[in-house]
Protein backbone atom coordinates (compact mmCIF):
# COMPACT_ATOMS: atom_id res chain seq x y z
CA MET A 1 0.00 0.00 0.00
CA ARG A 2 0.91 3.63 -0.41
CA ILE A 3 0.32 5.14 3.03
CA LEU A 4 0.43 8.81 4.07
CA VAL A 5 1.11 9.33 7.80
CA LEU A 6 0.32 12.80 9.17
CA GLY A 7 2.29 14.10 12.14
CA SER A 8 5.74 14.93 13.42
CA GLY A 9 6.07 13.27 16.81
CA ALA A 10 7.30 10.07 18.39
CA ARG A 11 3.83 8.54 17.98
CA GLU A 12 4.07 9.00 14.22
CA HIS A 13 7.62 7.65 14.19
CA ALA A 14 6.31 4.57 16.03
CA LEU A 15 3.52 4.18 13.46
CA VAL A 16 6.00 4.44 10.58
CA THR A 17 8.36 1.96 12.27
CA ALA A 18 5.55 -0.57 12.78
CA LEU A 19 4.42 -0.27 9.16
CA LEU A 20 7.96 -0.71 7.87
CA ALA A 21 8.47 -3.74 10.12
CA GLU A 22 5.82 -5.64 8.15
CA ASP A 23 8.30 -5.94 5.28
CA ALA A 24 5.33 -5.82 2.92
CA GLY A 25 6.72 -3.35 0.41
CA HIS A 26 4.59 -0.44 1.60
CA GLU A 27 5.45 2.96 0.18
CA ILE A 28 5.19 5.31 3.15
CA VAL A 29 5.23 9.10 3.08
CA ALA A 30 5.02 11.31 6.19
CA ALA A 31 4.03 14.93 6.59
CA PRO A 32 5.79 16.84 7.97
CA GLY A 33 7.79 14.23 9.87
CA ASN A 34 10.95 14.86 11.88
CA ALA A 35 14.63 13.95 11.60
CA GLY A 36 14.07 10.35 12.67
CA ILE A 37 11.13 9.81 10.36
CA ALA A 38 13.01 11.44 7.48
CA ALA A 39 15.81 8.92 7.94
CA ASP A 40 13.30 6.11 7.36
CA VAL A 41 10.80 7.35 4.77
CA GLU A 42 10.06 10.24 2.42
CA VAL A 43 8.76 13.38 4.15
CA ILE A 44 6.80 16.24 2.58
CA GLY A 45 5.90 19.73 3.74
CA LEU A 46 2.12 19.72 4.04
CA ASP A 47 0.16 21.71 6.60
CA ILE A 48 -1.50 18.80 8.38
CA THR A 49 -4.39 20.91 9.69
CA ASP A 50 -5.49 21.95 6.17
CA GLY A 51 -7.66 19.20 4.74
CA ALA A 52 -7.98 20.27 1.10
CA PRO A 53 -4.27 20.11 0.14
CA ILE A 54 -3.92 16.79 1.97
CA ALA A 55 -6.86 15.33 0.08
CA ASP A 56 -5.44 16.69 -3.18
CA TYR A 57 -2.03 15.15 -2.48
CA ALA A 58 -3.55 11.80 -1.55
CA ARG A 59 -5.66 11.72 -4.70
CA ASP A 60 -2.88 12.90 -7.02
CA HIS A 61 -0.39 10.37 -5.62
CA ALA A 62 -2.76 7.38 -5.48
CA VAL A 63 -2.55 7.07 -1.70
CA ASP A 64 -4.35 3.96 -0.45
CA LEU A 65 -4.63 5.00 3.20
CA VAL A 66 -4.17 8.21 5.18
CA VAL A 67 -3.26 7.76 8.87
CA ILE A 68 -3.78 10.83 11.04
CA GLY A 69 -1.53 10.85 14.11
CA PRO A 70 -2.15 13.96 16.25
CA GLU A 71 -5.37 15.44 17.55
CA ALA A 72 -5.19 18.91 15.95
CA PRO A 73 -5.88 17.79 12.34
CA LEU A 74 -8.71 15.56 13.56
CA VAL A 75 -10.44 18.41 15.37
CA ALA A 76 -9.77 20.60 12.31
CA GLY A 77 -11.72 18.17 10.12
CA VAL A 78 -8.90 16.84 7.96
CA ALA A 79 -10.46 13.36 7.93
CA ASP A 80 -13.68 14.85 6.52
CA ALA A 81 -11.85 16.31 3.52
CA VAL A 82 -9.94 13.09 2.82
CA ARG A 83 -13.06 10.93 3.06
CA LYS A 84 -14.95 13.31 0.77
CA ALA A 85 -12.21 12.66 -1.80
CA GLY A 86 -12.99 8.94 -1.57
CA ILE A 87 -9.74 7.94 0.14
CA PRO A 88 -9.72 5.64 3.19
CA VAL A 89 -8.55 7.49 6.29
CA PHE A 90 -7.76 6.23 9.77
CA GLY A 91 -9.06 8.95 12.04
CA PRO A 92 -12.48 10.27 13.04
CA ASN A 93 -14.34 13.11 11.37
CA ARG A 94 -14.47 16.51 13.03
CA ALA A 95 -17.80 15.77 14.75
CA ALA A 96 -16.64 12.50 16.29
CA ALA A 97 -13.21 13.95 17.18
CA ALA A 98 -15.05 16.23 19.61
CA LEU A 99 -14.77 13.22 21.91
CA GLU A 100 -11.26 14.56 22.52
CA GLY A 101 -11.70 18.15 21.38
CA SER A 102 -14.42 18.89 23.94
CA LYS A 103 -14.43 17.44 27.46
CA THR A 104 -18.08 18.42 27.90
CA PHE A 105 -19.06 16.60 24.68
CA ALA A 106 -17.20 13.53 25.91
CA LYS A 107 -19.07 13.59 29.22
CA ARG A 108 -22.39 13.86 27.41
CA ILE A 109 -21.55 10.84 25.25
CA MET A 110 -20.48 8.88 28.34
CA ASP A 111 -23.83 9.67 29.94
CA ALA A 112 -25.68 8.59 26.80
CA ALA A 113 -23.71 5.32 26.70
CA SER A 114 -23.93 4.69 30.47
CA VAL A 115 -20.13 4.60 30.61
CA PRO A 116 -18.74 4.56 34.17
CA THR A 117 -16.92 7.81 34.93
CA GLY A 118 -16.55 10.38 37.70
CA ARG A 119 -18.86 13.25 38.57
CA ALA A 120 -18.24 16.44 36.64
CA VAL A 121 -19.49 20.03 36.82
CA ARG A 122 -19.42 22.41 33.87
CA ALA A 123 -18.23 25.91 34.70
CA THR A 124 -18.04 29.14 32.72
CA THR A 125 -17.27 31.51 35.59
CA LEU A 126 -14.78 31.52 38.44
CA ALA A 127 -17.66 31.54 40.92
CA GLN A 128 -18.99 28.32 39.42
CA VAL A 129 -15.51 26.79 39.65
CA GLN A 130 -15.25 27.78 43.32
CA ALA A 131 -18.61 26.21 44.11
CA ALA A 132 -17.70 23.00 42.27
CA LEU A 133 -14.35 22.72 44.03
CA ASP A 134 -16.07 23.02 47.39
CA ASP A 135 -18.74 20.50 46.41
CA LEU A 136 -16.40 17.84 45.03
CA GLY A 137 -13.58 18.38 47.50
CA ALA A 138 -9.85 17.77 47.24
CA PRO A 139 -7.82 16.60 45.42
CA HIS A 140 -9.12 19.09 42.88
CA VAL A 141 -9.36 18.20 39.19
CA VAL A 142 -9.85 21.05 36.70
CA LYS A 143 -9.86 20.43 32.94
CA ALA A 144 -9.92 22.85 30.05
CA ASP A 145 -12.74 21.93 27.69
CA GLY A 146 -10.67 22.04 24.48
CA LEU A 147 -7.29 20.87 23.30
CA ALA A 148 -4.40 22.11 25.42
CA ALA A 149 -1.40 20.02 24.30
CA GLY A 150 -1.52 17.88 27.45
CA LYS A 151 -1.35 20.92 29.74
CA GLY A 152 -5.04 21.72 30.25
CA VAL A 153 -5.51 19.47 33.29
CA ILE A 154 -4.48 20.12 36.87
CA VAL A 155 -4.78 17.68 39.77
CA THR A 156 -3.88 19.32 43.05
CA GLU A 157 -4.63 19.53 46.77
CA ASP A 158 -4.03 23.30 46.54
CA ARG A 159 -7.33 25.10 46.02
CA ASP A 160 -5.59 28.34 45.05
CA ALA A 161 -3.58 26.52 42.38
CA ALA A 162 -6.78 24.97 41.01
CA LEU A 163 -8.43 28.40 40.88
CA ALA A 164 -5.41 29.94 39.13
CA HIS A 165 -5.50 27.15 36.53
CA ALA A 166 -9.22 27.71 36.07
CA GLU A 167 -8.83 31.47 35.73
CA HIS A 168 -6.26 31.00 32.97
CA TYR A 169 -8.29 28.50 30.93
CA LEU A 170 -11.64 30.25 31.42
CA GLN A 171 -10.27 32.87 29.02
CA GLN A 172 -10.44 30.15 26.34
CA GLY A 173 -13.89 28.76 27.17
CA GLU A 174 -15.70 26.57 29.65
CA LEU A 175 -14.15 24.12 32.07
CA LEU A 176 -14.95 20.86 33.79
CA VAL A 177 -14.38 20.45 37.50
CA GLU A 178 -14.29 16.72 38.15
CA GLU A 179 -14.37 14.26 40.97
CA PHE A 180 -10.92 12.90 41.76
CA LEU A 181 -10.69 9.19 40.98
CA ALA A 182 -8.10 7.27 42.96
CA GLY A 183 -6.34 4.17 41.69
CA PRO A 184 -3.83 2.95 39.11
CA GLU A 185 -4.28 4.33 35.61
CA VAL A 186 -4.38 2.31 32.40
CA SER A 187 -4.37 3.36 28.77
CA LEU A 188 -6.23 1.03 26.43
CA PHE A 189 -6.59 1.62 22.68
CA PHE A 190 -9.43 0.36 20.51
CA LEU A 191 -9.55 0.34 16.73
CA ALA A 192 -13.02 1.48 15.66
CA ASP A 193 -14.79 1.35 12.29
CA GLY A 194 -17.89 3.32 13.26
CA HIS A 195 -19.76 0.29 14.59
CA ASP A 196 -17.33 -2.36 15.87
CA VAL A 197 -14.11 -2.23 17.89
CA LEU A 198 -10.95 -4.31 18.31
CA PRO A 199 -8.60 -3.87 21.30
CA LEU A 200 -4.87 -3.39 21.40
CA SER A 201 -2.75 -4.20 24.46
CA PRO A 202 -2.99 -2.08 27.64
CA ALA A 203 -0.17 0.23 28.71
CA GLN A 204 0.59 2.55 31.59
CA ASP A 205 2.20 5.95 31.15
CA TYR A 206 3.86 8.44 33.49
CA LYS A 207 2.50 11.99 33.30
CA ARG A 208 4.51 13.76 36.00
CA ALA A 209 7.84 15.31 35.07
CA ARG A 210 9.98 13.88 37.84
CA ASP A 211 10.67 10.62 39.64
CA GLY A 212 8.13 9.44 42.17
CA ASP A 213 5.30 11.14 40.26
CA ALA A 214 6.50 14.56 41.39
CA GLY A 215 6.46 17.80 39.42
CA PRO A 216 3.99 19.16 36.88
CA ASN A 217 1.93 17.19 34.42
CA THR A 218 3.53 16.62 31.02
CA GLY A 219 2.57 15.01 27.75
CA GLY A 220 4.09 11.79 29.12
CA MET A 221 7.59 10.89 30.32
CA GLY A 222 7.51 7.14 29.70
CA ALA A 223 5.34 4.06 29.49
CA TYR A 224 5.38 0.28 29.60
CA SER A 225 3.37 -2.66 28.30
CA PRO A 226 1.93 -5.22 29.04
CA LEU A 227 0.46 -4.84 32.56
CA PRO A 228 0.97 -8.15 34.40
CA TRP A 229 -0.48 -6.74 37.62
CA LEU A 230 -3.95 -6.72 36.02
CA ASP A 231 -4.07 -10.47 36.67
CA ALA A 232 -4.53 -9.91 40.41
CA ASP A 233 -7.83 -8.04 40.07
CA PHE A 234 -9.23 -9.35 36.79
CA GLY A 235 -7.79 -12.85 36.49
CA SER A 236 -6.01 -11.95 33.26
CA GLU A 237 -5.24 -9.03 31.00
CA ALA A 238 -7.68 -10.48 28.47
CA ALA A 239 -10.52 -10.40 31.02
CA PHE A 240 -9.77 -6.75 31.77
CA VAL A 241 -9.74 -5.88 28.08
CA ASP A 242 -13.04 -7.67 27.51
CA GLU A 243 -14.69 -5.76 30.36
CA VAL A 244 -13.54 -2.43 28.98
CA ARG A 245 -14.69 -3.39 25.50
CA ARG A 246 -18.13 -4.43 26.77
CA THR A 247 -18.81 -1.59 29.22
CA ILE A 248 -16.90 1.35 27.72
CA ALA A 249 -15.50 1.14 24.19
CA LEU A 250 -18.35 -0.53 22.33
CA PRO A 251 -21.13 1.47 24.05
CA THR A 252 -19.28 4.71 23.28
CA VAL A 253 -18.82 3.88 19.60
CA ARG A 254 -22.44 2.78 19.32
CA ALA A 255 -23.64 5.99 21.05
CA LEU A 256 -21.69 8.09 18.55
CA GLU A 257 -23.11 6.04 15.70
CA ALA A 258 -26.64 6.62 17.02
CA GLU A 259 -25.99 10.38 17.02
CA GLY A 260 -25.01 10.29 13.36
CA THR A 261 -21.32 10.89 14.13
CA PRO A 262 -19.71 7.47 13.57
CA PHE A 263 -16.24 7.15 15.09
CA THR A 264 -13.67 5.65 12.72
CA GLY A 265 -10.10 5.53 13.98
CA LEU A 266 -8.44 5.04 17.34
CA LEU A 267 -10.48 5.32 20.53
CA TYR A 268 -8.08 5.96 23.41
CA CYS A 269 -9.62 5.02 26.75
CA GLY A 270 -7.87 6.68 29.70
CA LEU A 271 -8.95 4.58 32.66
CA VAL A 272 -8.53 4.47 36.42
CA LEU A 273 -9.08 1.31 38.45
CA THR A 274 -10.97 2.54 41.50
CA PRO A 275 -12.15 0.45 44.48
CA ASN A 276 -15.60 0.70 42.88
CA GLY A 277 -14.52 -0.54 39.46
CA ILE A 278 -13.12 0.78 36.19
CA ARG A 279 -13.82 4.45 35.49
CA VAL A 280 -13.04 6.60 32.44
CA ILE A 281 -10.84 9.63 33.09
CA GLU A 282 -10.82 10.78 29.48
CA PHE A 283 -11.19 9.74 25.88
CA ASN A 284 -8.80 10.68 23.12
CA ALA A 285 -9.43 10.32 19.41
CA ARG A 286 -5.97 9.10 18.37
CA PHE A 287 -3.05 6.91 19.43
CA GLY A 288 -1.57 7.98 22.75
CA ASP A 289 1.96 9.24 23.12
CA PRO A 290 4.13 7.68 24.60
CA GLU A 291 1.99 4.53 25.01
CA THR A 292 2.00 3.85 21.27
CA GLN A 293 5.77 3.43 21.44
CA VAL A 294 5.41 0.36 23.69
CA VAL A 295 2.18 -1.10 22.30
CA LEU A 296 3.05 -1.23 18.59
CA PRO A 297 6.48 -2.90 18.95
CA ARG A 298 4.70 -5.85 20.60
CA LEU A 299 2.04 -6.09 17.87
CA VAL A 300 2.35 -9.30 15.85
CA THR A 301 -0.70 -8.80 13.60
CA PRO A 302 0.19 -6.52 10.64
CA LEU A 303 -0.76 -2.95 11.55
CA SER A 304 -1.59 -1.86 8.00
CA GLY A 305 -4.38 -4.41 7.65
CA LEU A 306 -5.93 -3.35 10.95
CA LEU A 307 -5.84 0.34 10.07
CA LEU A 308 -7.33 -0.24 6.63
CA ALA A 309 -10.07 -2.49 8.03
CA ALA A 310 -11.03 0.21 10.54
CA ALA A 311 -10.97 2.90 7.86
CA THR A 312 -13.22 0.91 5.54
CA GLY A 313 -15.74 -0.52 8.02
CA GLY A 314 -14.23 -3.99 8.00
CA LEU A 315 -13.53 -4.91 11.63
CA ALA A 316 -16.55 -7.18 12.09
CA GLY A 317 -15.50 -10.80 12.38
CA LEU A 318 -11.76 -10.11 12.61
CA PRO A 319 -9.94 -11.80 15.49
CA ASP A 320 -8.38 -9.69 18.21
CA PRO A 321 -4.85 -8.58 17.28
CA GLU A 322 -1.99 -10.74 18.56
CA PHE A 323 0.85 -9.41 20.72
CA SER A 324 4.29 -10.67 21.65
CA PRO A 325 4.72 -11.67 25.32
CA GLU A 326 7.82 -9.46 25.46
CA SER A 327 8.05 -6.53 27.86
CA ALA A 328 8.38 -3.06 26.33
CA VAL A 329 9.53 0.15 28.02
CA VAL A 330 9.93 3.67 26.66
CA VAL A 331 11.74 6.47 28.49
CA VAL A 332 11.33 10.02 27.21
CA LEU A 333 14.26 12.44 26.99
CA ALA A 334 13.05 16.02 27.47
CA SER A 335 14.67 19.40 26.96
CA GLU A 336 15.83 21.54 29.85
CA GLY A 337 12.90 23.41 31.37
CA TYR A 338 10.22 21.05 30.07
CA PRO A 339 7.26 21.25 30.52
CA GLU A 340 7.07 24.87 31.70
CA ASN A 341 9.69 26.57 29.51
CA PRO A 342 11.61 24.10 27.35
CA VAL A 343 14.91 25.25 25.90
CA THR A 344 15.07 24.31 22.23
CA GLY A 345 17.65 24.46 19.46
CA ARG A 346 20.40 22.57 21.30
CA GLU A 347 22.47 19.92 19.57
CA LEU A 348 21.63 16.30 20.21
CA THR A 349 24.07 13.42 19.81
CA LEU A 350 22.97 9.80 19.48
CA PRO A 351 24.96 6.55 19.69
CA GLU A 352 26.21 5.14 16.39
CA SER A 353 24.62 1.76 17.12
CA LEU A 354 21.87 0.48 19.38
CA PRO A 355 21.61 -2.73 21.42
CA ALA A 356 19.34 -5.51 20.20
CA GLY A 357 15.71 -4.75 20.90
CA VAL A 358 16.30 -1.00 21.32
CA SER A 359 15.06 1.75 19.01
CA ILE A 360 14.71 5.53 19.21
CA ALA A 361 11.40 7.23 18.45
CA HIS A 362 12.11 10.84 17.49
CA ALA A 363 9.60 13.36 18.82
CA ALA A 364 10.99 16.86 18.27
CA THR A 365 14.14 16.74 16.17
CA ALA A 366 15.44 18.37 13.02
CA ARG A 367 18.63 18.25 10.97
CA VAL A 368 20.15 21.64 10.26
CA ASP A 369 23.50 21.79 8.43
CA ASP A 370 24.23 18.17 9.36
CA ARG A 371 23.55 18.88 13.04
CA LEU A 372 20.77 17.09 14.88
CA LEU A 373 18.81 19.59 16.98
CA ALA A 374 16.17 19.29 19.67
CA THR A 375 13.22 21.39 18.52
CA GLY A 376 10.68 20.85 21.30
CA GLY A 377 10.02 19.81 24.87
CA ARG A 378 9.85 16.03 24.50
CA VAL A 379 12.76 15.26 22.21
CA LEU A 380 12.76 11.48 21.78
CA GLY A 381 11.88 8.21 23.42
CA VAL A 382 14.20 5.27 23.91
CA VAL A 383 12.16 2.11 23.34
CA ALA A 384 13.40 -1.27 24.58
CA ARG A 385 11.88 -4.74 24.15
CA ALA A 386 13.12 -7.75 26.06
CA ASP A 387 12.10 -10.90 27.89
CA GLY A 388 11.12 -9.25 31.16
CA PHE A 389 10.94 -5.68 32.40
CA ALA A 390 14.30 -5.74 34.20
CA ALA A 391 16.12 -6.44 30.95
CA ALA A 392 14.04 -3.89 29.01
CA ARG A 393 14.65 -1.17 31.59
CA ALA A 394 18.36 -1.89 31.69
CA ALA A 395 18.63 -1.64 27.90
CA ALA A 396 16.67 1.62 27.77
CA TYR A 397 18.64 3.35 30.51
CA THR A 398 22.01 2.12 29.24
CA THR A 399 21.16 3.64 25.86
CA LEU A 400 20.10 6.94 27.43
CA GLU A 401 23.51 7.24 29.04
CA ASP A 402 25.00 7.33 25.52
CA ILE A 403 22.73 10.18 24.37
CA HIS A 404 23.82 13.75 24.98
CA LEU A 405 21.64 16.85 25.18
CA ASP A 406 22.73 19.78 27.35
CA GLY A 407 20.16 20.19 30.10
CA GLY A 408 18.22 17.14 28.94
CA HIS A 409 16.39 15.17 31.61
CA TYR A 410 14.40 11.98 31.97
CA ARG A 411 12.71 9.98 34.69
CA ARG A 412 14.70 7.10 36.14
CA ASP A 413 11.80 5.14 37.57
CA ILE A 414 9.84 4.10 34.47
CA ALA A 415 8.47 0.55 35.00
CA GLU A 416 10.55 0.29 38.16
CA ARG A 417 7.84 -1.43 40.20
CA VAL A 418 6.59 -3.88 37.60
CA SER A 419 7.96 -7.36 37.00
């Protein structure tokens, strides 16, 4: 197939890497890509939030499948333009992408689908936020309604900090003040074709910037998969996945279908395992980052066939995707000052060779005059696969020691407590 992948982050690099690993002769093009992606496939300079030129390119170059990585082009309606041109696209239309683009829309769909989630109060004024904080109590959870690049959510015991966060984001629109849900978090992806869903393997990510879950929230500082500790509460990972499919993913997709906004693409279920059962923290409308970097390397079933089946309404009757029993860990290297004020433009040096089972997913890199530069906050992820988490962690951290970025930092406790 000729496949166009839209995006420039580590998630898109992971998608490209998984497609290339099929060794099926795919012709892959990425827009706009990054230095790592450009080393693997052709990259082109399209504005990925402008649907018409993307549809034109896909039609003129006989693209068989468009895969949309990040959330911004989905919310901008790029999938609508590509579908209108008659080209299969993996990613929901603008209306269905509101599941991520609007927290209040997502809550309404959860209510319609009877999906288990926490209490939430909509607020458009600071007075309403204050009342909701007092009603729901601490820890306080305040979420911007729209997209905020992973920075629109605050979870804090400090009421003043919650109010300051709310005051800032109220300038952009309404907020949700939510009940705090305690328990371990799990990310679980489902491929959706508008009516049916197929699960991928669960992962757990690390949102806080520093070891021990300290520091501010980030876009994600690392992740691991699978989650062997699910066996204790659910009997097996498969039983957990089936429960989420039955009570959350399928009802959500069917509720969107009933509203005339079928969801075709990747349904990201952000879950928390509370003492009262599984609850949804959030939905996203695309592959998660950095979880994708540990889920896809374990995927045995060819990714291209799954994406095309979802894009063309063909998931019904397909078996669940197969995954390797290997352990996978990704550790994110971030620029100095990330997430508050990342310093960019510094030179990055990588090892000439990598250990077996280790790869690097570029997130924010560019080549300028033969120099590799860090161009954003999260620069890259070191991904390691091995038989067991101890070996995977050791390989990832040994590789990070051979990478140099002035001021660069990373967490040293990714997957530390799992075995």
